[in-house]
Amino acid sequence: MSIDQRCREQRNIADSMFMDFKYTKPGSAEQVRALNTLNFLLSMWNDFLGAEVRRMDAARSICPSKA
């Protein structure tokens, strides 16, 4: 899955999270859920980007640059 695809997949979740956080009472259950969602999405991005680094490192080891 590309970064663009990942962003498109998460757009609705991010929009909902933003609305819940911005337009609800401070400390409400909706805000706590929005923060938990943000934490989860950041964890997903960490896993995704870590896998991309490993994939690119593997590709570089197959075809080392001539620099």
PDB file of N, CA and C in Angstrom:
ATOM      1  N   MET A   1       0.848  -1.173   0.000  1.00  0.00           N
ATOM      2  CA  MET A   1       0.000   0.000   0.000  1.00  0.00           C
ATOM      3  C   MET A   1       0.896   1.240   0.000  1.00  0.00           C
ATOM      4  N   SER A   2       0.592   2.192  -0.865  1.00  0.00           N
ATOM      5  CA  SER A   2       1.394   3.401  -0.957  1.00  0.00           C
ATOM      6  C   SER A   2       0.991   4.392   0.145  1.00  0.00           C
ATOM      7  N   ILE A   3       1.829   5.395   0.341  1.00  0.00           N
ATOM      8  CA  ILE A   3       1.517   6.428   1.319  1.00  0.00           C
ATOM      9  C   ILE A   3       0.229   7.148   0.921  1.00  0.00           C
ATOM     10  N   ASP A   4       0.070   7.412  -0.365  1.00  0.00           N
ATOM     11  CA  ASP A   4      -1.141   8.070  -0.845  1.00  0.00           C
ATOM     12  C   ASP A   4      -2.385   7.233  -0.530  1.00  0.00           C
ATOM     13  N   GLN A   5      -2.316   5.949  -0.781  1.00  0.00           N
ATOM     14  CA  GLN A   5      -3.443   5.064  -0.488  1.00  0.00           C
ATOM     15  C   GLN A   5      -3.744   5.041   1.006  1.00  0.00           C
ATOM     16  N   ARG A   6      -2.702   5.011   1.815  1.00  0.00           N
ATOM     17  CA  ARG A   6      -2.884   5.002   3.269  1.00  0.00           C
ATOM     18  C   ARG A   6      -3.568   6.287   3.725  1.00  0.00           C
ATOM     19  N   CYS A   7      -3.156   7.423   3.170  1.00  0.00           N
ATOM     20  CA  CYS A   7      -3.773   8.708   3.531  1.00  0.00           C
ATOM     21  C   CYS A   7      -5.250   8.736   3.146  1.00  0.00           C
ATOM     22  N   ARG A   8      -5.550   8.276   1.948  1.00  0.00           N
ATOM     23  CA  ARG A   8      -6.947   8.261   1.497  1.00  0.00           C
ATOM     24  C   ARG A   8      -7.798   7.337   2.370  1.00  0.00           C
ATOM     25  N   GLU A   9      -7.218   6.220   2.767  1.00  0.00           N
ATOM     26  CA  GLU A   9      -7.933   5.258   3.597  1.00  0.00           C
ATOM     27  C   GLU A   9      -8.283   5.868   4.954  1.00  0.00           C
ATOM     28  N   GLN A  10      -7.421   6.713   5.476  1.00  0.00           N
ATOM     29  CA  GLN A  10      -7.610   7.248   6.820  1.00  0.00           C
ATOM     30  C   GLN A  10      -8.275   8.631   6.846  1.00  0.00           C
ATOM     31  N   ARG A  11      -8.581   9.188   5.687  1.00  0.00           N
ATOM     32  CA  ARG A  11      -9.135  10.549   5.635  1.00  0.00           C
ATOM     33  C   ARG A  11     -10.440  10.681   6.420  1.00  0.00           C
ATOM     34  N   ASN A  12     -11.377   9.786   6.228  1.00  0.00           N
ATOM     35  CA  ASN A  12     -12.663   9.877   6.930  1.00  0.00           C
ATOM     36  C   ASN A  12     -12.489   9.737   8.436  1.00  0.00           C
ATOM     37  N   ILE A  13     -11.599   8.858   8.842  1.00  0.00           N
ATOM     38  CA  ILE A  13     -11.334   8.682  10.271  1.00  0.00           C
ATOM     39  C   ILE A  13     -10.756   9.964  10.854  1.00  0.00           C
ATOM     40  N   ALA A  14      -9.817  10.567  10.137  1.00  0.00           N
ATOM     41  CA  ALA A  14      -9.188  11.797  10.611  1.00  0.00           C
ATOM     42  C   ALA A  14     -10.209  12.934  10.679  1.00  0.00           C
ATOM     43  N   ASP A  15     -11.066  13.040   9.686  1.00  0.00           N
ATOM     44  CA  ASP A  15     -12.102  14.081   9.702  1.00  0.00           C
ATOM     45  C   ASP A  15     -13.031  13.918  10.901  1.00  0.00           C
ATOM     46  N   SER A  16     -13.460  12.703  11.138  1.00  0.00           N
ATOM     47  CA  SER A  16     -14.341  12.430  12.271  1.00  0.00           C
ATOM     48  C   SER A  16     -13.641  12.726  13.591  1.00  0.00           C
ATOM     49  N   MET A  17     -12.391  12.318  13.691  1.00  0.00           N
ATOM     50  CA  MET A  17     -11.605  12.544  14.901  1.00  0.00           C
ATOM     51  C   MET A  17     -11.476  14.047  15.167  1.00  0.00           C
ATOM     52  N   PHE A  18     -11.191  14.825  14.129  1.00  0.00           N
ATOM     53  CA  PHE A  18     -11.058  16.276  14.263  1.00  0.00           C
ATOM     54  C   PHE A  18     -12.351  16.895  14.764  1.00  0.00           C
ATOM     55  N   MET A  19     -13.469  16.517  14.158  1.00  0.00           N
ATOM     56  CA  MET A  19     -14.758  17.079  14.553  1.00  0.00           C
ATOM     57  C   MET A  19     -15.092  16.711  16.000  1.00  0.00           C
ATOM     58  N   ASP A  20     -14.852  15.469  16.378  1.00  0.00           N
ATOM     59  CA  ASP A  20     -15.108  15.048  17.756  1.00  0.00           C
ATOM     60  C   ASP A  20     -14.259  15.837  18.736  1.00  0.00           C
ATOM     61  N   PHE A  21     -13.022  16.084  18.380  1.00  0.00           N
ATOM     62  CA  PHE A  21     -12.132  16.775  19.306  1.00  0.00           C
ATOM     63  C   PHE A  21     -12.469  18.262  19.380  1.00  0.00           C
ATOM     64  N   LYS A  22     -12.693  18.885  18.243  1.00  0.00           N
ATOM     65  CA  LYS A  22     -12.886  20.339  18.217  1.00  0.00           C
ATOM     66  C   LYS A  22     -14.235  20.782  18.768  1.00  0.00           C
ATOM     67  N   TYR A  23     -15.264  20.026  18.497  1.00  0.00           N
ATOM     68  CA  TYR A  23     -16.615  20.500  18.804  1.00  0.00           C
ATOM     69  C   TYR A  23     -17.291  19.800  19.973  1.00  0.00           C
ATOM     70  N   THR A  24     -16.517  19.215  20.848  1.00  0.00           N
ATOM     71  CA  THR A  24     -17.102  18.613  22.046  1.00  0.00           C
ATOM     72  C   THR A  24     -16.455  19.221  23.284  1.00  0.00           C
ATOM     73  N   LYS A  25     -17.079  18.995  24.391  1.00  0.00           N
ATOM     74  CA  LYS A  25     -16.633  19.544  25.667  1.00  0.00           C
ATOM     75  C   LYS A  25     -15.233  19.011  26.014  1.00  0.00           C
ATOM     76  N   PRO A  26     -14.351  19.884  26.521  1.00  0.00           N
ATOM     77  CA  PRO A  26     -13.008  19.419  26.918  1.00  0.00           C
ATOM     78  C   PRO A  26     -13.101  18.264  27.926  1.00  0.00           C
ATOM     79  N   GLY A  27     -12.342  17.233  27.663  1.00  0.00           N
ATOM     80  CA  GLY A  27     -12.321  16.067  28.540  1.00  0.00           C
ATOM     81  C   GLY A  27     -13.466  15.099  28.331  1.00  0.00           C
ATOM     82  N   SER A  28     -14.298  15.345  27.334  1.00  0.00           N
ATOM     83  CA  SER A  28     -15.448  14.470  27.089  1.00  0.00           C
ATOM     84  C   SER A  28     -14.987  13.109  26.562  1.00  0.00           C
ATOM     85  N   ALA A  29     -15.904  12.181  26.586  1.00  0.00           N
ATOM     86  CA  ALA A  29     -15.605  10.839  26.069  1.00  0.00           C
ATOM     87  C   ALA A  29     -15.223  10.905  24.594  1.00  0.00           C
ATOM     88  N   GLU A  30     -15.862  11.819  23.857  1.00  0.00           N
ATOM     89  CA  GLU A  30     -15.549  11.965  22.431  1.00  0.00           C
ATOM     90  C   GLU A  30     -14.110  12.443  22.229  1.00  0.00           C
ATOM     91  N   GLN A  31     -13.676  13.385  23.060  1.00  0.00           N
ATOM     92  CA  GLN A  31     -12.301  13.867  22.942  1.00  0.00           C
ATOM     93  C   GLN A  31     -11.300  12.783  23.314  1.00  0.00           C
ATOM     94  N   VAL A  32     -11.596  12.042  24.350  1.00  0.00           N
ATOM     95  CA  VAL A  32     -10.699  10.945  24.752  1.00  0.00           C
ATOM     96  C   VAL A  32     -10.627   9.908  23.640  1.00  0.00           C
ATOM     97  N   ARG A  33     -11.771   9.587  23.039  1.00  0.00           N
ATOM     98  CA  ARG A  33     -11.781   8.630  21.921  1.00  0.00           C
ATOM     99  C   ARG A  33     -10.976   9.170  20.738  1.00  0.00           C
ATOM    100  N   ALA A  34     -11.099  10.475  20.461  1.00  0.00           N
ATOM    101  CA  ALA A  34     -10.340  11.086  19.367  1.00  0.00           C
ATOM    102  C   ALA A  34      -8.838  10.980  19.636  1.00  0.00           C
ATOM    103  N   LEU A  35      -8.413  11.226  20.861  1.00  0.00           N
ATOM    104  CA  LEU A  35      -6.988  11.114  21.194  1.00  0.00           C
ATOM    105  C   LEU A  35      -6.504   9.670  21.113  1.00  0.00           C
ATOM    106  N   ASN A  36      -7.335   8.739  21.534  1.00  0.00           N
ATOM    107  CA  ASN A  36      -6.971   7.322  21.412  1.00  0.00           C
ATOM    108  C   ASN A  36      -6.857   6.922  19.941  1.00  0.00           C
ATOM    109  N   THR A  37      -7.751   7.444  19.119  1.00  0.00           N
ATOM    110  CA  THR A  37      -7.692   7.172  17.686  1.00  0.00           C
ATOM    111  C   THR A  37      -6.417   7.751  17.086  1.00  0.00           C
ATOM    112  N   LEU A  38      -6.090   8.983  17.466  1.00  0.00           N
ATOM    113  CA  LEU A  38      -4.853   9.605  16.986  1.00  0.00           C
ATOM    114  C   LEU A  38      -3.642   8.763  17.371  1.00  0.00           C
ATOM    115  N   ASN A  39      -3.598   8.314  18.596  1.00  0.00           N
ATOM    116  CA  ASN A  39      -2.495   7.471  19.052  1.00  0.00           C
ATOM    117  C   ASN A  39      -2.408   6.189  18.225  1.00  0.00           C
ATOM    118  N   PHE A  40      -3.549   5.579  17.965  1.00  0.00           N
ATOM    119  CA  PHE A  40      -3.581   4.354  17.168  1.00  0.00           C
ATOM    120  C   PHE A  40      -3.091   4.600  15.741  1.00  0.00           C
ATOM    121  N   LEU A  41      -3.565   5.700  15.117  1.00  0.00           N
ATOM    122  CA  LEU A  41      -3.156   6.008  13.748  1.00  0.00           C
ATOM    123  C   LEU A  41      -1.658   6.305  13.674  1.00  0.00           C
ATOM    124  N   LEU A  42      -1.139   7.010  14.652  1.00  0.00           N
ATOM    125  CA  LEU A  42       0.311   7.276  14.671  1.00  0.00           C
ATOM    126  C   LEU A  42       1.100   5.979  14.806  1.00  0.00           C
ATOM    127  N   SER A  43       0.592   5.064  15.605  1.00  0.00           N
ATOM    128  CA  SER A  43       1.252   3.756  15.733  1.00  0.00           C
ATOM    129  C   SER A  43       1.228   3.001  14.411  1.00  0.00           C
ATOM    130  N   MET A  44       0.092   3.083  13.706  1.00  0.00           N
ATOM    131  CA  MET A  44       0.003   2.432  12.396  1.00  0.00           C
ATOM    132  C   MET A  44       1.015   3.030  11.427  1.00  0.00           C
ATOM    133  N   TRP A  45       1.158   4.372  11.433  1.00  0.00           N
ATOM    134  CA  TRP A  45       2.130   5.025  10.552  1.00  0.00           C
ATOM    135  C   TRP A  45       3.549   4.620  10.919  1.00  0.00           C
ATOM    136  N   ASN A  46       3.825   4.486  12.206  1.00  0.00           N
ATOM    137  CA  ASN A  46       5.150   4.049  12.626  1.00  0.00           C
ATOM    138  C   ASN A  46       5.458   2.658  12.067  1.00  0.00           C
ATOM    139  N   ASP A  47       4.511   1.754  12.177  1.00  0.00           N
ATOM    140  CA  ASP A  47       4.699   0.403  11.641  1.00  0.00           C
ATOM    141  C   ASP A  47       4.875   0.439  10.124  1.00  0.00           C
ATOM    142  N   PHE A  48       4.032   1.220   9.456  1.00  0.00           N
ATOM    143  CA  PHE A  48       4.074   1.314   7.993  1.00  0.00           C
ATOM    144  C   PHE A  48       5.414   1.872   7.519  1.00  0.00           C
ATOM    145  N   LEU A  49       5.856   2.965   8.126  1.00  0.00           N
ATOM    146  CA  LEU A  49       7.106   3.587   7.694  1.00  0.00           C
ATOM    147  C   LEU A  49       8.317   2.729   8.061  1.00  0.00           C
ATOM    148  N   GLY A  50       8.248   2.036   9.187  1.00  0.00           N
ATOM    149  CA  GLY A  50       9.320   1.107   9.540  1.00  0.00           C
ATOM    150  C   GLY A  50       9.452  -0.011   8.517  1.00  0.00           C
ATOM    151  N   ALA A  51       8.313  -0.522   8.055  1.00  0.00           N
ATOM    152  CA  ALA A  51       8.330  -1.566   7.021  1.00  0.00           C
ATOM    153  C   ALA A  51       8.895  -1.017   5.715  1.00  0.00           C
ATOM    154  N   GLU A  52       8.570   0.252   5.389  1.00  0.00           N
ATOM    155  CA  GLU A  52       9.113   0.866   4.174  1.00  0.00           C
ATOM    156  C   GLU A  52      10.636   0.997   4.257  1.00  0.00           C
ATOM    157  N   VAL A  53      11.140   1.365   5.412  1.00  0.00           N
ATOM    158  CA  VAL A  53      12.594   1.477   5.591  1.00  0.00           C
ATOM    159  C   VAL A  53      13.249   0.113   5.392  1.00  0.00           C
ATOM    160  N   ARG A  54      12.677  -0.913   5.995  1.00  0.00           N
ATOM    161  CA  ARG A  54      13.242  -2.265   5.836  1.00  0.00           C
ATOM    162  C   ARG A  54      13.190  -2.715   4.380  1.00  0.00           C
ATOM    163  N   ARG A  55      12.084  -2.410   3.695  1.00  0.00           N
ATOM    164  CA  ARG A  55      11.941  -2.785   2.286  1.00  0.00           C
ATOM    165  C   ARG A  55      12.986  -2.076   1.427  1.00  0.00           C
ATOM    166  N   MET A  56      13.177  -0.786   1.662  1.00  0.00           N
ATOM    167  CA  MET A  56      14.152  -0.035   0.878  1.00  0.00           C
ATOM    168  C   MET A  56      15.585  -0.482   1.186  1.00  0.00           C
ATOM    169  N   ASP A  57      15.862  -0.790   2.444  1.00  0.00           N
ATOM    170  CA  ASP A  57      17.189  -1.304   2.794  1.00  0.00           C
ATOM    171  C   ASP A  57      17.461  -2.624   2.092  1.00  0.00           C
ATOM    172  N   ALA A  58      16.432  -3.480   2.021  1.00  0.00           N
ATOM    173  CA  ALA A  58      16.588  -4.764   1.329  1.00  0.00           C
ATOM    174  C   ALA A  58      16.834  -4.536  -0.158  1.00  0.00           C
ATOM    175  N   ALA A  59      16.110  -3.599  -0.751  1.00  0.00           N
ATOM    176  CA  ALA A  59      16.298  -3.303  -2.176  1.00  0.00           C
ATOM    177  C   ALA A  59      17.703  -2.754  -2.429  1.00  0.00           C
ATOM    178  N   ARG A  60      18.183  -1.897  -1.546  1.00  0.00           N
ATOM    179  CA  ARG A  60      19.524  -1.341  -1.714  1.00  0.00           C
ATOM    180  C   ARG A  60      20.611  -2.410  -1.576  1.00  0.00           C
ATOM    181  N   SER A  61      20.360  -3.394  -0.740  1.00  0.00           N
ATOM    182  CA  SER A  61      21.373  -4.439  -0.557  1.00  0.00           C
ATOM    183  C   SER A  61      21.467  -5.333  -1.797  1.00  0.00           C
ATOM    184  N   ILE A  62      20.395  -5.433  -2.557  1.00  0.00           N
ATOM    185  CA  ILE A  62      20.404  -6.212  -3.794  1.00  0.00           C
ATOM    186  C   ILE A  62      21.114  -5.462  -4.901  1.00  0.00           C
ATOM    187  N   CYS A  63      20.841  -4.175  -5.001  1.00  0.00           N
ATOM    188  CA  CYS A  63      21.411  -3.333  -6.054  1.00  0.00           C
ATOM    189  C   CYS A  63      22.150  -2.163  -5.411  1.00  0.00           C
ATOM    190  N   PRO A  64      23.358  -2.409  -4.906  1.00  0.00           N
ATOM    191  CA  PRO A  64      24.088  -1.299  -4.256  1.00  0.00           C
ATOM    192  C   PRO A  64      24.419  -0.197  -5.257  1.00  0.00           C
ATOM    193  N   SER A  65      24.412   1.043  -4.776  1.00  0.00           N
ATOM    194  CA  SER A  65      24.721   2.181  -5.650  1.00  0.00           C
ATOM    195  C   SER A  65      26.223   2.195  -5.949  1.00  0.00           C
ATOM    196  N   LYS A  66      26.595   2.878  -7.036  1.00  0.00           N
ATOM    197  CA  LYS A  66      28.000   2.946  -7.451  1.00  0.00           C
ATOM    198  C   LYS A  66      28.580   4.313  -7.111  1.00  0.00           C
ATOM    199  N   ALA A  67      28.154   4.886  -6.002  1.00  0.00           N
ATOM    200  CA  ALA A  67      28.637   6.216  -5.596  1.00  0.00           C
ATOM    201  C   ALA A  67      29.952   6.161  -4.868  1.00  0.00           C
TER     202      ALA A  67
END
